[in-house]
N, C-alpha and C. Protein backbone atom coordinates (compact mmCIF):
# COMPACT_ATOMS: atom_id res chain seq x y z
N UNK A 1 1.13 4.62 -3.78
CA UNK A 1 -0.21 4.86 -4.30
C UNK A 1 -0.23 6.05 -5.26
N UNK A 2 0.51 7.11 -4.90
CA UNK A 2 0.50 8.31 -5.74
C UNK A 2 1.20 8.05 -7.08
N UNK A 3 2.28 7.28 -7.03
CA UNK A 3 2.95 6.92 -8.30
C UNK A 3 1.98 6.16 -9.21
N UNK A 4 1.28 5.19 -8.65
CA UNK A 4 0.35 4.41 -9.45
C UNK A 4 -0.78 5.25 -10.00
N UNK A 5 -1.28 6.17 -9.18
CA UNK A 5 -2.38 7.04 -9.63
C UNK A 5 -1.94 7.93 -10.78
N UNK A 6 -0.74 8.48 -10.69
CA UNK A 6 -0.27 9.43 -11.71
C UNK A 6 0.16 8.73 -12.99
N UNK A 7 0.97 7.67 -12.86
CA UNK A 7 1.64 7.10 -14.02
C UNK A 7 0.98 5.84 -14.56
N UNK A 8 0.30 5.08 -13.70
CA UNK A 8 -0.41 3.86 -14.13
C UNK A 8 0.51 2.80 -14.73
N UNK A 9 1.80 2.90 -14.48
CA UNK A 9 2.76 1.94 -15.01
C UNK A 9 3.93 1.78 -14.04
N UNK A 10 4.58 0.61 -14.03
CA UNK A 10 5.77 0.45 -13.18
C UNK A 10 6.94 1.23 -13.73
N UNK A 11 7.97 1.40 -12.91
CA UNK A 11 9.13 2.21 -13.26
C UNK A 11 9.82 1.71 -14.52
N UNK A 12 9.88 0.38 -14.70
CA UNK A 12 10.60 -0.18 -15.84
C UNK A 12 10.03 0.28 -17.17
N UNK A 13 8.75 0.54 -17.22
CA UNK A 13 8.12 1.00 -18.46
C UNK A 13 8.27 2.50 -18.68
N UNK A 14 8.70 3.20 -17.64
CA UNK A 14 8.80 4.65 -17.70
C UNK A 14 10.25 5.14 -17.73
N UNK A 15 11.18 4.22 -17.63
CA UNK A 15 12.60 4.61 -17.62
C UNK A 15 13.03 5.24 -16.32
N UNK A 16 12.36 4.92 -15.21
CA UNK A 16 12.71 5.49 -13.91
C UNK A 16 13.54 4.48 -13.13
N UNK A 17 14.47 4.99 -12.32
CA UNK A 17 15.32 4.12 -11.51
C UNK A 17 15.06 4.24 -10.01
N UNK A 18 14.39 5.31 -9.58
CA UNK A 18 14.08 5.46 -8.16
C UNK A 18 12.77 6.24 -8.01
N UNK A 19 12.19 6.17 -6.82
CA UNK A 19 10.87 6.77 -6.60
C UNK A 19 10.88 8.29 -6.71
N UNK A 20 12.03 8.88 -6.42
CA UNK A 20 12.11 10.33 -6.52
C UNK A 20 11.85 10.82 -7.93
N UNK A 21 12.24 10.02 -8.92
CA UNK A 21 12.02 10.41 -10.30
C UNK A 21 10.54 10.50 -10.65
N UNK A 22 9.73 9.74 -9.94
CA UNK A 22 8.30 9.77 -10.20
C UNK A 22 7.76 11.18 -10.01
N UNK A 23 8.32 11.91 -9.05
CA UNK A 23 7.82 13.24 -8.74
C UNK A 23 8.66 14.34 -9.39
N UNK A 24 9.97 14.11 -9.51
CA UNK A 24 10.81 15.13 -10.15
C UNK A 24 10.43 15.27 -11.62
N UNK A 25 10.07 14.17 -12.26
CA UNK A 25 9.66 14.25 -13.66
C UNK A 25 8.35 15.03 -13.79
N UNK A 26 7.46 14.82 -12.84
CA UNK A 26 6.19 15.54 -12.87
C UNK A 26 6.41 17.04 -12.64
N UNK A 27 7.37 17.38 -11.80
CA UNK A 27 7.63 18.80 -11.48
C UNK A 27 8.11 19.58 -12.70
N UNK A 28 8.59 18.86 -13.72
CA UNK A 28 9.06 19.53 -14.93
C UNK A 28 7.92 19.93 -15.86
N UNK A 29 6.70 19.55 -15.49
CA UNK A 29 5.53 19.85 -16.32
C UNK A 29 4.51 20.63 -15.52
N UNK A 30 4.71 21.94 -15.37
CA UNK A 30 3.80 22.75 -14.54
C UNK A 30 2.36 22.75 -15.04
N UNK A 31 2.15 22.62 -16.34
CA UNK A 31 0.78 22.59 -16.86
C UNK A 31 0.04 21.35 -16.35
N UNK A 32 0.73 20.21 -16.40
CA UNK A 32 0.11 18.98 -15.90
C UNK A 32 -0.18 19.10 -14.41
N UNK A 33 0.76 19.70 -13.67
CA UNK A 33 0.54 19.90 -12.23
C UNK A 33 -0.67 20.80 -11.97
N UNK A 34 -0.78 21.86 -12.76
CA UNK A 34 -1.93 22.75 -12.60
C UNK A 34 -3.24 22.05 -12.87
N UNK A 35 -3.26 21.20 -13.90
CA UNK A 35 -4.48 20.45 -14.22
C UNK A 35 -4.82 19.49 -13.08
N UNK A 36 -3.80 18.85 -12.52
CA UNK A 36 -4.04 17.91 -11.43
C UNK A 36 -4.59 18.62 -10.20
N UNK A 37 -4.05 19.79 -9.89
CA UNK A 37 -4.54 20.56 -8.74
C UNK A 37 -5.99 20.96 -8.95
N UNK A 38 -6.32 21.38 -10.15
CA UNK A 38 -7.70 21.78 -10.45
C UNK A 38 -8.65 20.60 -10.31
N UNK A 39 -8.25 19.45 -10.81
CA UNK A 39 -9.09 18.25 -10.70
C UNK A 39 -9.24 17.83 -9.24
N UNK A 40 -8.12 17.87 -8.51
CA UNK A 40 -8.17 17.47 -7.10
C UNK A 40 -9.09 18.38 -6.29
N UNK A 41 -9.03 19.67 -6.55
CA UNK A 41 -9.90 20.60 -5.83
C UNK A 41 -11.37 20.37 -6.16
N UNK A 42 -11.65 20.08 -7.44
CA UNK A 42 -13.03 19.80 -7.84
C UNK A 42 -13.52 18.52 -7.16
N UNK A 43 -12.71 17.46 -7.21
CA UNK A 43 -13.12 16.19 -6.62
C UNK A 43 -13.29 16.32 -5.11
N UNK A 44 -12.43 17.13 -4.48
CA UNK A 44 -12.55 17.32 -3.03
C UNK A 44 -13.88 17.97 -2.69
N UNK A 45 -14.37 18.82 -3.58
CA UNK A 45 -15.64 19.51 -3.32
C UNK A 45 -16.86 18.64 -3.46
N UNK A 46 -16.76 17.53 -4.20
CA UNK A 46 -17.93 16.68 -4.42
C UNK A 46 -17.75 15.28 -3.84
N UNK A 47 -16.69 15.06 -3.08
CA UNK A 47 -16.40 13.72 -2.59
C UNK A 47 -17.49 13.19 -1.66
N UNK A 48 -17.69 11.88 -1.72
CA UNK A 48 -18.62 11.21 -0.79
C UNK A 48 -17.85 10.62 0.39
N UNK A 49 -16.54 10.80 0.41
CA UNK A 49 -15.74 10.28 1.51
C UNK A 49 -16.11 10.97 2.81
N UNK A 50 -16.09 10.21 3.89
CA UNK A 50 -16.40 10.76 5.21
C UNK A 50 -15.16 11.37 5.86
N UNK A 51 -14.02 11.26 5.17
CA UNK A 51 -12.78 11.77 5.74
C UNK A 51 -12.24 10.89 6.85
N UNK A 52 -12.74 9.66 6.95
CA UNK A 52 -12.33 8.73 7.99
C UNK A 52 -11.38 7.69 7.42
N UNK A 53 -10.31 7.38 8.15
CA UNK A 53 -9.45 6.25 7.81
C UNK A 53 -9.55 5.28 8.99
N UNK A 54 -10.57 4.41 8.97
CA UNK A 54 -10.90 3.62 10.16
C UNK A 54 -9.96 2.48 10.48
N UNK A 55 -9.06 2.12 9.54
CA UNK A 55 -8.23 0.95 9.77
C UNK A 55 -6.75 1.32 9.69
N UNK A 56 -6.01 1.12 10.76
CA UNK A 56 -4.61 1.56 10.79
C UNK A 56 -3.71 0.84 9.78
N UNK A 57 -4.12 -0.34 9.31
CA UNK A 57 -3.27 -1.08 8.38
C UNK A 57 -3.32 -0.56 6.95
N UNK A 58 -4.28 0.32 6.63
CA UNK A 58 -4.34 0.90 5.29
C UNK A 58 -4.61 2.40 5.39
N UNK A 59 -4.15 3.19 4.39
CA UNK A 59 -4.39 4.64 4.40
C UNK A 59 -5.69 5.04 3.72
N UNK A 60 -6.58 4.10 3.48
CA UNK A 60 -7.77 4.36 2.67
C UNK A 60 -8.88 5.03 3.47
N UNK A 61 -9.54 6.00 2.81
CA UNK A 61 -10.66 6.70 3.43
C UNK A 61 -11.97 5.98 3.11
N UNK A 62 -12.80 5.85 4.12
CA UNK A 62 -14.09 5.20 3.95
C UNK A 62 -14.95 5.98 2.96
N UNK A 63 -15.52 5.26 2.00
CA UNK A 63 -16.42 5.76 0.96
C UNK A 63 -15.72 6.59 -0.12
N UNK A 64 -14.39 6.69 -0.05
CA UNK A 64 -13.66 7.35 -1.13
C UNK A 64 -13.51 6.38 -2.30
N UNK A 65 -13.14 6.92 -3.46
CA UNK A 65 -13.03 6.11 -4.67
C UNK A 65 -11.56 5.88 -5.03
N UNK A 66 -11.25 4.64 -5.43
CA UNK A 66 -9.88 4.27 -5.74
C UNK A 66 -9.83 3.38 -6.98
N UNK A 67 -8.78 3.55 -7.77
CA UNK A 67 -8.53 2.68 -8.90
C UNK A 67 -7.80 1.42 -8.48
N UNK A 68 -7.75 0.47 -9.39
CA UNK A 68 -7.14 -0.83 -9.10
C UNK A 68 -5.69 -0.69 -8.64
N UNK A 69 -4.92 0.18 -9.29
CA UNK A 69 -3.52 0.35 -8.92
C UNK A 69 -3.37 0.89 -7.50
N UNK A 70 -4.19 1.88 -7.15
CA UNK A 70 -4.13 2.45 -5.80
C UNK A 70 -4.49 1.42 -4.74
N UNK A 71 -5.52 0.62 -5.02
CA UNK A 71 -5.97 -0.38 -4.06
C UNK A 71 -4.88 -1.40 -3.80
N UNK A 72 -4.28 -1.90 -4.88
CA UNK A 72 -3.24 -2.91 -4.70
C UNK A 72 -2.02 -2.34 -3.98
N UNK A 73 -1.69 -1.10 -4.25
CA UNK A 73 -0.60 -0.45 -3.55
C UNK A 73 -0.89 -0.33 -2.06
N UNK A 74 -2.14 0.04 -1.73
CA UNK A 74 -2.52 0.20 -0.33
C UNK A 74 -2.43 -1.10 0.45
N UNK A 75 -2.55 -2.22 -0.25
CA UNK A 75 -2.49 -3.52 0.42
C UNK A 75 -1.16 -4.24 0.21
N UNK A 76 -0.13 -3.47 -0.14
CA UNK A 76 1.22 -4.00 -0.08
C UNK A 76 1.91 -4.34 -1.38
N UNK A 77 1.22 -4.27 -2.52
CA UNK A 77 1.90 -4.57 -3.78
C UNK A 77 2.74 -3.37 -4.20
N UNK A 78 3.99 -3.61 -4.59
CA UNK A 78 4.90 -2.54 -4.99
C UNK A 78 4.63 -2.19 -6.45
N UNK A 79 3.79 -1.20 -6.69
CA UNK A 79 3.41 -0.84 -8.06
C UNK A 79 4.48 0.00 -8.74
N UNK A 80 5.50 0.42 -7.98
CA UNK A 80 6.63 1.12 -8.60
C UNK A 80 7.55 0.11 -9.29
N UNK A 81 7.82 -0.99 -8.64
CA UNK A 81 8.73 -1.99 -9.19
C UNK A 81 8.03 -2.99 -10.11
N UNK A 82 6.76 -3.28 -9.86
CA UNK A 82 6.08 -4.31 -10.63
C UNK A 82 4.69 -3.91 -11.06
N UNK A 83 4.10 -4.73 -11.92
CA UNK A 83 2.77 -4.45 -12.45
C UNK A 83 1.71 -4.89 -11.45
N UNK A 84 0.50 -4.37 -11.64
CA UNK A 84 -0.61 -4.75 -10.78
C UNK A 84 -1.23 -6.04 -11.29
N UNK A 85 -1.94 -6.73 -10.42
CA UNK A 85 -2.69 -7.91 -10.81
C UNK A 85 -3.93 -7.47 -11.57
N UNK A 86 -4.20 -8.13 -12.67
CA UNK A 86 -5.42 -7.82 -13.42
C UNK A 86 -6.26 -9.07 -13.50
N UNK A 87 -7.53 -8.91 -13.88
CA UNK A 87 -8.40 -10.07 -14.04
C UNK A 87 -9.28 -10.29 -12.83
N UNK A 88 -9.14 -11.43 -12.14
CA UNK A 88 -10.05 -11.77 -11.06
C UNK A 88 -10.14 -10.69 -9.99
N UNK A 89 -11.33 -10.50 -9.47
CA UNK A 89 -11.56 -9.45 -8.50
C UNK A 89 -11.35 -9.86 -7.06
N UNK A 90 -10.48 -10.82 -6.81
CA UNK A 90 -10.15 -11.24 -5.45
C UNK A 90 -8.64 -11.11 -5.28
N UNK A 91 -8.23 -10.26 -4.37
CA UNK A 91 -6.81 -10.03 -4.12
C UNK A 91 -6.47 -10.50 -2.71
N UNK A 92 -5.40 -11.25 -2.58
CA UNK A 92 -4.94 -11.70 -1.27
C UNK A 92 -3.69 -10.93 -0.88
N UNK A 93 -3.75 -10.27 0.27
CA UNK A 93 -2.59 -9.59 0.82
C UNK A 93 -2.11 -10.39 2.03
N UNK A 94 -1.05 -11.17 1.84
CA UNK A 94 -0.54 -12.00 2.93
C UNK A 94 0.05 -11.13 4.03
N UNK A 95 0.73 -10.04 3.65
CA UNK A 95 1.36 -9.17 4.65
C UNK A 95 0.33 -8.58 5.61
N UNK A 96 -0.82 -8.21 5.07
CA UNK A 96 -1.85 -7.58 5.89
C UNK A 96 -2.96 -8.54 6.30
N UNK A 97 -2.79 -9.85 5.97
CA UNK A 97 -3.78 -10.88 6.30
C UNK A 97 -5.18 -10.42 5.88
N UNK A 98 -5.30 -10.07 4.62
CA UNK A 98 -6.55 -9.50 4.12
C UNK A 98 -6.91 -10.07 2.75
N UNK A 99 -8.20 -10.21 2.52
CA UNK A 99 -8.73 -10.43 1.18
C UNK A 99 -9.42 -9.14 0.75
N UNK A 100 -9.16 -8.75 -0.49
CA UNK A 100 -9.78 -7.57 -1.07
C UNK A 100 -10.73 -8.04 -2.16
N UNK A 101 -12.00 -7.67 -2.06
CA UNK A 101 -13.00 -8.06 -3.05
C UNK A 101 -13.35 -6.84 -3.89
N UNK A 102 -13.08 -6.92 -5.19
CA UNK A 102 -13.38 -5.84 -6.13
C UNK A 102 -14.65 -6.23 -6.88
N UNK A 103 -15.73 -5.50 -6.66
CA UNK A 103 -17.05 -5.94 -7.09
C UNK A 103 -17.68 -4.93 -8.04
N UNK A 104 -18.09 -5.41 -9.21
CA UNK A 104 -18.86 -4.61 -10.16
C UNK A 104 -20.28 -5.15 -10.16
N UNK A 105 -21.25 -4.31 -9.82
CA UNK A 105 -22.62 -4.79 -9.63
C UNK A 105 -23.33 -5.08 -10.95
N UNK A 106 -23.27 -4.15 -11.88
CA UNK A 106 -23.98 -4.29 -13.14
C UNK A 106 -23.00 -4.74 -14.22
N UNK A 107 -23.08 -5.99 -14.59
CA UNK A 107 -22.14 -6.57 -15.54
C UNK A 107 -22.77 -6.67 -16.92
N UNK A 108 -21.94 -6.50 -17.94
CA UNK A 108 -22.42 -6.64 -19.31
C UNK A 108 -21.58 -7.69 -20.03
N UNK A 109 -22.16 -8.29 -21.05
CA UNK A 109 -21.45 -9.31 -21.81
C UNK A 109 -20.23 -8.73 -22.53
N UNK A 110 -20.25 -7.42 -22.78
CA UNK A 110 -19.11 -6.78 -23.43
C UNK A 110 -17.88 -6.78 -22.54
N UNK A 111 -18.11 -6.62 -21.23
CA UNK A 111 -17.01 -6.42 -20.30
C UNK A 111 -16.65 -7.66 -19.50
N UNK A 112 -17.55 -8.65 -19.44
CA UNK A 112 -17.31 -9.83 -18.62
C UNK A 112 -17.60 -11.09 -19.43
N UNK A 113 -16.77 -12.10 -19.25
CA UNK A 113 -17.01 -13.37 -19.92
C UNK A 113 -18.15 -14.11 -19.22
N UNK A 114 -18.77 -15.09 -19.89
CA UNK A 114 -19.87 -15.83 -19.25
C UNK A 114 -19.48 -16.45 -17.91
N UNK A 115 -18.20 -16.85 -17.77
CA UNK A 115 -17.76 -17.49 -16.53
C UNK A 115 -17.55 -16.51 -15.38
N UNK A 116 -17.56 -15.20 -15.67
CA UNK A 116 -17.36 -14.20 -14.61
C UNK A 116 -18.58 -13.30 -14.42
N UNK A 117 -19.72 -13.70 -14.95
CA UNK A 117 -20.94 -12.91 -14.78
C UNK A 117 -21.60 -13.26 -13.44
N UNK A 118 -20.86 -13.05 -12.37
CA UNK A 118 -21.35 -13.39 -11.05
C UNK A 118 -22.51 -12.48 -10.65
N UNK A 119 -23.43 -13.05 -9.88
CA UNK A 119 -24.60 -12.28 -9.45
C UNK A 119 -24.29 -11.67 -8.09
N UNK A 120 -23.77 -10.46 -8.11
CA UNK A 120 -23.44 -9.71 -6.90
C UNK A 120 -24.43 -8.56 -6.77
N UNK A 121 -24.99 -8.38 -5.60
CA UNK A 121 -25.95 -7.29 -5.44
C UNK A 121 -26.06 -6.85 -3.98
N UNK A 122 -26.61 -5.65 -3.81
CA UNK A 122 -26.78 -5.08 -2.48
C UNK A 122 -28.14 -5.47 -1.93
N UNK A 123 -28.15 -6.09 -0.77
CA UNK A 123 -29.39 -6.49 -0.11
C UNK A 123 -29.95 -5.33 0.70
N UNK A 124 -29.07 -4.61 1.36
CA UNK A 124 -29.44 -3.44 2.17
C UNK A 124 -28.21 -2.56 2.28
N UNK A 125 -28.29 -1.52 3.10
CA UNK A 125 -27.14 -0.65 3.28
C UNK A 125 -26.03 -1.32 4.09
N UNK A 126 -26.32 -2.51 4.62
CA UNK A 126 -25.30 -3.18 5.42
C UNK A 126 -24.96 -4.58 4.91
N UNK A 127 -25.78 -5.13 4.02
CA UNK A 127 -25.56 -6.50 3.54
C UNK A 127 -25.32 -6.51 2.04
N UNK A 128 -24.27 -7.22 1.61
CA UNK A 128 -23.96 -7.38 0.20
C UNK A 128 -23.86 -8.87 -0.12
N UNK A 129 -24.61 -9.32 -1.13
CA UNK A 129 -24.52 -10.71 -1.60
C UNK A 129 -23.46 -10.78 -2.69
N UNK A 130 -22.53 -11.72 -2.53
CA UNK A 130 -21.38 -11.82 -3.43
C UNK A 130 -21.10 -13.27 -3.76
N UNK A 131 -20.77 -13.54 -5.02
CA UNK A 131 -20.41 -14.89 -5.44
C UNK A 131 -18.90 -14.97 -5.66
N UNK A 132 -18.30 -16.03 -5.12
CA UNK A 132 -16.86 -16.25 -5.28
C UNK A 132 -16.54 -16.60 -6.72
N UNK A 133 -15.27 -16.74 -7.03
CA UNK A 133 -14.87 -17.21 -8.35
C UNK A 133 -15.44 -18.60 -8.60
N UNK A 134 -15.72 -18.88 -9.87
CA UNK A 134 -16.46 -20.09 -10.22
C UNK A 134 -15.79 -21.39 -9.80
N UNK A 135 -14.48 -21.41 -9.70
CA UNK A 135 -13.77 -22.64 -9.34
C UNK A 135 -13.62 -22.83 -7.84
N UNK A 136 -14.09 -21.89 -7.04
CA UNK A 136 -13.90 -21.94 -5.59
C UNK A 136 -14.98 -22.78 -4.93
N UNK A 137 -14.57 -23.82 -4.21
CA UNK A 137 -15.54 -24.59 -3.42
C UNK A 137 -15.25 -24.40 -1.94
N UNK A 138 -16.14 -24.90 -1.11
CA UNK A 138 -16.04 -24.61 0.32
C UNK A 138 -14.82 -25.25 0.98
N UNK A 139 -14.32 -26.34 0.41
CA UNK A 139 -13.18 -27.02 1.01
C UNK A 139 -11.83 -26.51 0.51
N UNK A 140 -11.83 -25.61 -0.47
CA UNK A 140 -10.58 -25.07 -1.01
C UNK A 140 -9.94 -24.12 -0.01
N UNK A 141 -8.64 -23.86 -0.13
CA UNK A 141 -7.99 -22.92 0.79
C UNK A 141 -8.66 -21.55 0.80
N UNK A 142 -9.01 -21.03 -0.38
CA UNK A 142 -9.67 -19.72 -0.43
C UNK A 142 -11.05 -19.79 0.21
N UNK A 143 -11.80 -20.84 -0.12
CA UNK A 143 -13.13 -21.00 0.47
C UNK A 143 -13.07 -21.07 1.98
N UNK A 144 -12.13 -21.86 2.52
CA UNK A 144 -11.99 -21.98 3.97
C UNK A 144 -11.56 -20.66 4.61
N UNK A 145 -10.65 -19.94 3.95
CA UNK A 145 -10.22 -18.65 4.49
C UNK A 145 -11.36 -17.65 4.54
N UNK A 146 -12.19 -17.63 3.50
CA UNK A 146 -13.31 -16.69 3.48
C UNK A 146 -14.37 -17.07 4.50
N UNK A 147 -14.68 -18.35 4.58
CA UNK A 147 -15.72 -18.81 5.51
C UNK A 147 -15.29 -18.60 6.96
N UNK A 148 -14.03 -18.91 7.27
CA UNK A 148 -13.53 -18.86 8.65
C UNK A 148 -12.61 -17.67 8.88
N UNK A 149 -12.85 -16.58 8.17
CA UNK A 149 -11.91 -15.45 8.25
C UNK A 149 -11.78 -14.88 9.65
N UNK A 150 -12.87 -14.86 10.42
CA UNK A 150 -12.79 -14.30 11.77
C UNK A 150 -11.88 -15.14 12.66
N UNK A 151 -12.09 -16.45 12.64
CA UNK A 151 -11.27 -17.33 13.48
C UNK A 151 -9.79 -17.29 13.07
N UNK A 152 -9.54 -17.05 11.79
CA UNK A 152 -8.16 -17.07 11.29
C UNK A 152 -7.51 -15.69 11.30
N UNK A 153 -8.24 -14.68 11.77
CA UNK A 153 -7.68 -13.34 11.85
C UNK A 153 -7.47 -12.68 10.50
N UNK A 154 -8.32 -13.04 9.54
CA UNK A 154 -8.23 -12.49 8.19
C UNK A 154 -9.29 -11.41 8.01
N UNK A 155 -8.90 -10.27 7.49
CA UNK A 155 -9.85 -9.18 7.24
C UNK A 155 -10.37 -9.25 5.81
N UNK A 156 -11.63 -8.89 5.64
CA UNK A 156 -12.26 -8.83 4.32
C UNK A 156 -12.60 -7.38 4.03
N UNK A 157 -12.05 -6.83 2.94
CA UNK A 157 -12.29 -5.44 2.55
C UNK A 157 -13.08 -5.40 1.25
N UNK A 158 -14.15 -4.62 1.22
CA UNK A 158 -15.02 -4.56 0.05
C UNK A 158 -14.86 -3.24 -0.71
N UNK A 159 -14.73 -3.38 -2.03
CA UNK A 159 -14.69 -2.24 -2.95
C UNK A 159 -15.77 -2.47 -4.01
N UNK A 160 -16.62 -1.48 -4.22
CA UNK A 160 -17.78 -1.67 -5.09
C UNK A 160 -17.90 -0.53 -6.10
N UNK A 161 -18.32 -0.87 -7.31
CA UNK A 161 -18.73 0.13 -8.29
C UNK A 161 -19.98 -0.41 -8.99
N UNK A 162 -20.81 0.49 -9.48
CA UNK A 162 -22.03 0.05 -10.14
C UNK A 162 -21.74 -0.60 -11.49
N UNK A 163 -20.94 0.08 -12.32
CA UNK A 163 -20.60 -0.44 -13.64
C UNK A 163 -19.10 -0.29 -13.86
N UNK A 164 -18.57 -0.98 -14.86
CA UNK A 164 -17.13 -0.91 -15.14
C UNK A 164 -16.77 0.37 -15.88
N UNK A 165 -17.65 0.79 -16.80
CA UNK A 165 -17.34 1.95 -17.65
C UNK A 165 -18.41 3.03 -17.54
N UNK A 166 -17.97 4.25 -17.69
CA UNK A 166 -18.84 5.38 -17.97
C UNK A 166 -18.33 5.96 -19.28
N UNK A 167 -19.05 5.67 -20.38
CA UNK A 167 -18.51 5.98 -21.71
C UNK A 167 -17.32 5.09 -21.96
N UNK A 168 -16.17 5.70 -22.24
CA UNK A 168 -14.94 4.94 -22.44
C UNK A 168 -14.02 4.96 -21.22
N UNK A 169 -14.50 5.54 -20.13
CA UNK A 169 -13.68 5.69 -18.94
C UNK A 169 -13.93 4.53 -17.97
N UNK A 170 -12.83 3.90 -17.52
CA UNK A 170 -12.94 2.86 -16.49
C UNK A 170 -13.19 3.53 -15.15
N UNK A 171 -14.24 3.11 -14.48
CA UNK A 171 -14.62 3.75 -13.21
C UNK A 171 -13.84 3.16 -12.04
N UNK A 172 -13.57 3.97 -11.02
CA UNK A 172 -12.92 3.46 -9.81
C UNK A 172 -13.93 2.75 -8.92
N UNK A 173 -13.41 2.13 -7.87
CA UNK A 173 -14.25 1.46 -6.89
C UNK A 173 -14.44 2.36 -5.66
N UNK A 174 -15.56 2.18 -5.00
CA UNK A 174 -15.81 2.90 -3.75
C UNK A 174 -15.48 1.96 -2.58
N UNK A 175 -14.69 2.46 -1.65
CA UNK A 175 -14.25 1.64 -0.52
C UNK A 175 -15.33 1.62 0.55
N UNK A 176 -15.83 0.42 0.87
CA UNK A 176 -16.90 0.28 1.85
C UNK A 176 -16.40 -0.22 3.19
N UNK A 177 -15.10 -0.47 3.30
CA UNK A 177 -14.54 -0.90 4.58
C UNK A 177 -14.57 -2.41 4.75
N UNK A 178 -14.43 -2.84 6.00
CA UNK A 178 -14.38 -4.27 6.32
C UNK A 178 -15.79 -4.85 6.42
N UNK A 179 -15.85 -6.18 6.23
CA UNK A 179 -17.12 -6.88 6.30
C UNK A 179 -16.92 -8.24 6.96
N UNK A 180 -18.02 -8.80 7.46
CA UNK A 180 -18.01 -10.09 8.13
C UNK A 180 -18.98 -11.03 7.44
N UNK A 181 -18.58 -12.28 7.27
CA UNK A 181 -19.47 -13.27 6.66
C UNK A 181 -20.58 -13.64 7.65
N UNK A 182 -21.83 -13.47 7.23
CA UNK A 182 -22.97 -13.85 8.08
C UNK A 182 -23.76 -15.02 7.49
N UNK A 183 -23.43 -15.38 6.21
CA UNK A 183 -24.13 -16.50 5.58
C UNK A 183 -23.33 -16.94 4.36
N UNK A 184 -23.29 -18.25 4.12
CA UNK A 184 -22.66 -18.76 2.90
C UNK A 184 -23.38 -20.04 2.49
N UNK A 185 -23.39 -20.30 1.19
CA UNK A 185 -24.05 -21.49 0.68
C UNK A 185 -23.56 -21.78 -0.73
N UNK A 186 -23.71 -23.03 -1.14
CA UNK A 186 -23.39 -23.41 -2.52
C UNK A 186 -21.92 -23.70 -2.74
N UNK A 187 -21.64 -24.13 -3.96
CA UNK A 187 -20.29 -24.47 -4.38
C UNK A 187 -20.06 -23.95 -5.80
N UNK A 188 -18.87 -23.49 -6.06
CA UNK A 188 -18.41 -23.16 -7.42
C UNK A 188 -19.43 -22.37 -8.24
N UNK A 189 -19.85 -21.19 -7.89
CA UNK A 189 -19.29 -20.37 -6.82
C UNK A 189 -20.00 -20.57 -5.47
N UNK A 190 -19.33 -20.09 -4.43
CA UNK A 190 -19.96 -20.00 -3.11
C UNK A 190 -20.66 -18.65 -3.02
N UNK A 191 -21.87 -18.64 -2.50
CA UNK A 191 -22.60 -17.38 -2.33
C UNK A 191 -22.46 -16.91 -0.88
N UNK A 192 -21.94 -15.71 -0.72
CA UNK A 192 -21.71 -15.14 0.60
C UNK A 192 -22.62 -13.94 0.83
N UNK A 193 -23.06 -13.77 2.07
CA UNK A 193 -23.64 -12.51 2.52
C UNK A 193 -22.61 -11.85 3.43
N UNK A 194 -22.16 -10.66 3.04
CA UNK A 194 -21.18 -9.92 3.83
C UNK A 194 -21.88 -8.78 4.56
N UNK A 195 -21.64 -8.67 5.85
CA UNK A 195 -22.21 -7.58 6.65
C UNK A 195 -21.14 -6.52 6.88
N UNK A 196 -21.40 -5.31 6.43
CA UNK A 196 -20.44 -4.22 6.53
C UNK A 196 -20.35 -3.67 7.95
N UNK A 197 -19.15 -3.24 8.33
CA UNK A 197 -18.98 -2.58 9.62
C UNK A 197 -19.57 -1.17 9.59
N UNK A 198 -19.60 -0.55 8.41
CA UNK A 198 -20.13 0.80 8.26
C UNK A 198 -21.21 0.79 7.18
N UNK A 199 -22.31 1.48 7.42
CA UNK A 199 -23.37 1.54 6.42
C UNK A 199 -22.85 2.14 5.12
N UNK A 200 -23.22 1.53 4.01
CA UNK A 200 -22.80 2.07 2.72
C UNK A 200 -23.62 3.31 2.38
N UNK A 201 -23.13 4.19 1.49
CA UNK A 201 -23.91 5.37 1.09
C UNK A 201 -25.25 4.96 0.48
N UNK A 202 -26.31 5.66 0.83
CA UNK A 202 -27.63 5.34 0.34
C UNK A 202 -27.74 5.36 -1.18
N UNK A 203 -27.01 6.30 -1.83
CA UNK A 203 -27.12 6.41 -3.28
C UNK A 203 -26.55 5.20 -4.01
N UNK A 204 -25.72 4.42 -3.34
CA UNK A 204 -25.17 3.23 -3.97
C UNK A 204 -26.24 2.17 -4.20
N UNK A 205 -27.28 2.20 -3.39
CA UNK A 205 -28.37 1.22 -3.54
C UNK A 205 -29.22 1.46 -4.78
N UNK A 206 -29.20 2.68 -5.30
CA UNK A 206 -30.02 2.99 -6.45
C UNK A 206 -29.53 2.25 -7.67
N UNK A 207 -30.34 1.33 -8.16
CA UNK A 207 -29.95 0.54 -9.32
C UNK A 207 -28.86 -0.46 -9.03
N UNK A 208 -28.64 -0.78 -7.75
CA UNK A 208 -27.55 -1.66 -7.40
C UNK A 208 -27.76 -3.11 -7.74
N UNK A 209 -29.03 -3.60 -7.80
CA UNK A 209 -29.27 -5.02 -8.03
C UNK A 209 -29.34 -5.34 -9.51
């Protein structure tokens, strides 16, 4: 996760041969290290994270913010050796028997194609309405896994951000923890209501729909 956060690229693009180089190369740049420490201290002072890591299968803190590379690393993708998955906001981690849903609430035509302008919104601090990918129907393997995730021992993890960009900066997602399907309807896409195990931060509801 730390390699992905710092470098945002796999080793092959950086000329690295082992994980130790990821940090030894950074140690040669004390100015960059100083800037990182300053940023980390600032972010630690304003974090909305509760300091809780409620699930032993991942090192993620509840309500903390994570980028795409960090999230995929936390769920088993080797971001040192290979690139991260881009595009669709549904990630399957077979090793951890988990689906990861990456959700942007406020979508714009600039950032999303017409086929991915899904209507996702917060119903309450515990319920989130989410639409699956457009090609997913209830009888498909993904549809069945999402609908019957409890019986199949599959965990659903939700990551949410209000918008994709702030100016020219890509925003990270806020980790809301695990959720359970309490309602589903429709086809291509399927509309799900996910009930969170932990109440989401109240400020996330502001302008969320």
